[in-house]
Amino acid sequence: MAKELEKLRIDKYLWAIRLFKTRSLATDACNAGRVKLNGQNIKPAYAVKIGETFQIQKGIERKTIKVIGLLKQRVDAKTAVQFYEDLTPVEETQAYKSAFHAPVLRRDRGTGRPTKRDRREIDNLRDEWQEE
């Protein structure tokens, strides 16, 4: 199924290795300057070559990938991993994951709306968490 190719567009490659859900999202990321090669923005029609390293930004997540092989069509996730090498530093990966593990404030059921004093205390707690 996964056939080796000589030329492949970057937007199609990013979609095929499952970094973007749709090809149009990959195209939009290229047009917005969120896909870079050696620090330079690239267009969606850029021809990918084996051995190149790209920096991709999706929201707060940043990835650095190296092209190992080219795909003609989108494949399952296990197969897709074989066509690129993730060179993203561990610190960036952990920083991205820790952003989603922020503490959640909970109030007891039936206590009603927070008072003005409660609201100030909640805001102070949130400010302390964001400073860390």
Protein backbone atom coordinates (compact mmCIF):
# COMPACT_ATOMS: atom_id res chain seq x y z
CA MET A 1 0.00 0.00 0.00
CA ALA A 2 2.64 2.53 1.04
CA LYS A 3 4.42 3.08 -2.25
CA GLU A 4 7.74 4.97 -2.47
CA LEU A 5 7.53 8.18 -4.49
CA GLU A 6 10.00 10.61 -5.98
CA LYS A 7 8.03 13.84 -5.51
CA LEU A 8 5.29 14.73 -3.03
CA ARG A 9 3.77 18.02 -1.90
CA ILE A 10 4.38 18.98 1.73
CA ASP A 11 0.67 19.48 2.47
CA LYS A 12 -0.13 16.00 1.16
CA TYR A 13 2.79 14.49 3.09
CA LEU A 14 1.74 16.08 6.41
CA TRP A 15 -1.81 14.82 5.86
CA ALA A 16 -0.61 11.32 4.89
CA ILE A 17 1.55 10.92 8.03
CA ARG A 18 -1.43 12.04 10.11
CA LEU A 19 -0.03 15.28 11.53
CA PHE A 20 -3.13 17.08 10.21
CA LYS A 21 -6.67 15.73 10.10
CA THR A 22 -7.39 17.07 6.61
CA ARG A 23 -5.24 18.13 3.69
CA SER A 24 -6.83 21.58 3.71
CA LEU A 25 -5.68 22.07 7.33
CA ALA A 26 -2.15 21.15 6.25
CA THR A 27 -2.41 23.62 3.35
CA ASP A 28 -3.66 26.36 5.67
CA ALA A 29 -0.77 25.71 8.08
CA CYS A 30 1.74 26.09 5.22
CA ASN A 31 0.09 29.30 4.00
CA ALA A 32 0.05 30.72 7.56
CA GLY A 33 3.79 30.10 8.00
CA ARG A 34 3.46 27.33 10.60
CA VAL A 35 5.47 24.84 8.54
CA LYS A 36 9.15 25.71 8.15
CA LEU A 37 12.23 24.23 6.53
CA ASN A 38 15.51 25.57 7.97
CA GLY A 39 13.63 28.51 9.49
CA GLN A 40 12.03 29.49 6.17
CA ASN A 41 8.29 29.38 5.52
CA ILE A 42 7.35 26.98 2.75
CA LYS A 43 4.40 26.86 0.40
CA PRO A 44 1.97 23.92 0.28
CA ALA A 45 3.29 22.85 -3.15
CA TYR A 46 6.88 22.45 -1.91
CA ALA A 47 8.29 19.08 -3.03
CA VAL A 48 9.37 17.02 0.00
CA LYS A 49 12.67 15.17 -0.18
CA ILE A 50 13.83 12.30 2.02
CA GLY A 51 16.18 13.49 4.75
CA GLU A 52 14.72 17.00 5.14
CA THR A 53 13.77 18.30 8.59
CA PHE A 54 10.63 20.40 9.11
CA GLN A 55 9.39 22.45 12.06
CA ILE A 56 5.59 22.34 12.41
CA GLN A 57 3.42 24.30 14.81
CA LYS A 58 -0.13 23.21 15.64
CA GLY A 59 -1.61 25.54 18.25
CA ILE A 60 0.73 25.46 21.25
CA GLU A 61 2.31 22.19 20.12
CA ARG A 62 5.59 22.35 18.18
CA LYS A 63 7.05 19.37 16.38
CA THR A 64 10.30 18.78 14.53
CA ILE A 65 10.16 15.89 12.08
CA LYS A 66 12.62 14.33 9.67
CA VAL A 67 11.33 12.75 6.45
CA ILE A 68 12.29 9.07 6.19
CA GLY A 69 9.93 7.99 3.41
CA LEU A 70 7.17 9.37 1.18
CA LEU A 71 3.55 8.22 1.14
CA LYS A 72 1.09 8.40 -1.72
CA GLN A 73 -2.01 7.98 0.45
CA ARG A 74 -3.03 8.41 4.08
CA VAL A 75 -2.37 5.27 6.11
CA ASP A 76 -3.06 4.05 9.64
CA ALA A 77 -1.11 5.61 12.51
CA LYS A 78 1.17 2.60 13.10
CA THR A 79 2.29 2.63 9.46
CA ALA A 80 2.57 6.43 9.26
CA VAL A 81 5.14 6.53 12.09
CA GLN A 82 7.54 4.55 9.90
CA PHE A 83 7.75 7.40 7.36
CA TYR A 84 9.03 10.16 9.67
CA GLU A 85 11.29 10.55 12.68
CA ASP A 86 10.12 12.79 15.52
CA LEU A 87 13.07 14.98 16.56
CA THR A 88 11.06 17.17 18.95
CA PRO A 89 13.07 17.90 22.13
CA VAL A 90 11.73 16.14 25.24
CA GLU A 91 11.43 19.46 27.12
CA GLU A 92 8.97 20.83 24.52
CA THR A 93 6.92 17.65 24.58
CA GLN A 94 6.67 17.70 28.37
CA ALA A 95 5.81 21.43 28.41
CA TYR A 96 2.98 20.79 25.95
CA LYS A 97 1.61 17.88 27.99
CA SER A 98 1.84 19.74 31.32
CA ALA A 99 -0.32 22.55 29.92
CA PHE A 100 -3.26 20.14 29.95
CA HIS A 101 -2.72 18.97 33.51
CA ALA A 102 -3.60 22.22 35.23
CA PRO A 103 -5.56 21.82 38.47
CA VAL A 104 -9.32 22.07 38.16
CA LEU A 105 -11.30 24.15 40.62
CA ARG A 106 -14.34 22.43 42.06
CA ARG A 107 -17.06 23.69 44.33
CA ASP A 108 -19.32 21.62 46.51
CA ARG A 109 -22.74 20.96 45.07
CA GLY A 110 -25.47 23.19 46.38
CA THR A 111 -23.22 25.98 47.66
CA GLY A 112 -24.59 28.42 45.10
CA ARG A 113 -22.72 31.09 43.23
CA PRO A 114 -19.37 32.30 44.57
CA THR A 115 -19.45 35.53 46.55
CA LYS A 116 -17.27 38.49 45.60
CA ARG A 117 -14.73 37.36 48.20
CA ASP A 118 -14.77 33.78 46.84
CA ARG A 119 -14.26 35.12 43.31
CA ARG A 120 -11.17 37.11 44.39
CA GLU A 121 -9.70 34.01 46.07
CA ILE A 122 -10.33 31.92 42.94
CA ASP A 123 -8.70 34.57 40.74
CA ASN A 124 -5.66 34.73 43.04
CA LEU A 125 -5.26 30.94 42.87
CA ARG A 126 -5.45 30.98 39.07
CA ASP A 127 -2.83 33.75 38.91
CA GLU A 128 -0.49 31.71 41.12
CA TRP A 129 -0.86 28.61 38.90
CA GLN A 130 -0.21 30.59 35.72
CA GLU A 131 3.01 32.08 37.14
CA GLU A 132 4.50 28.59 37.67
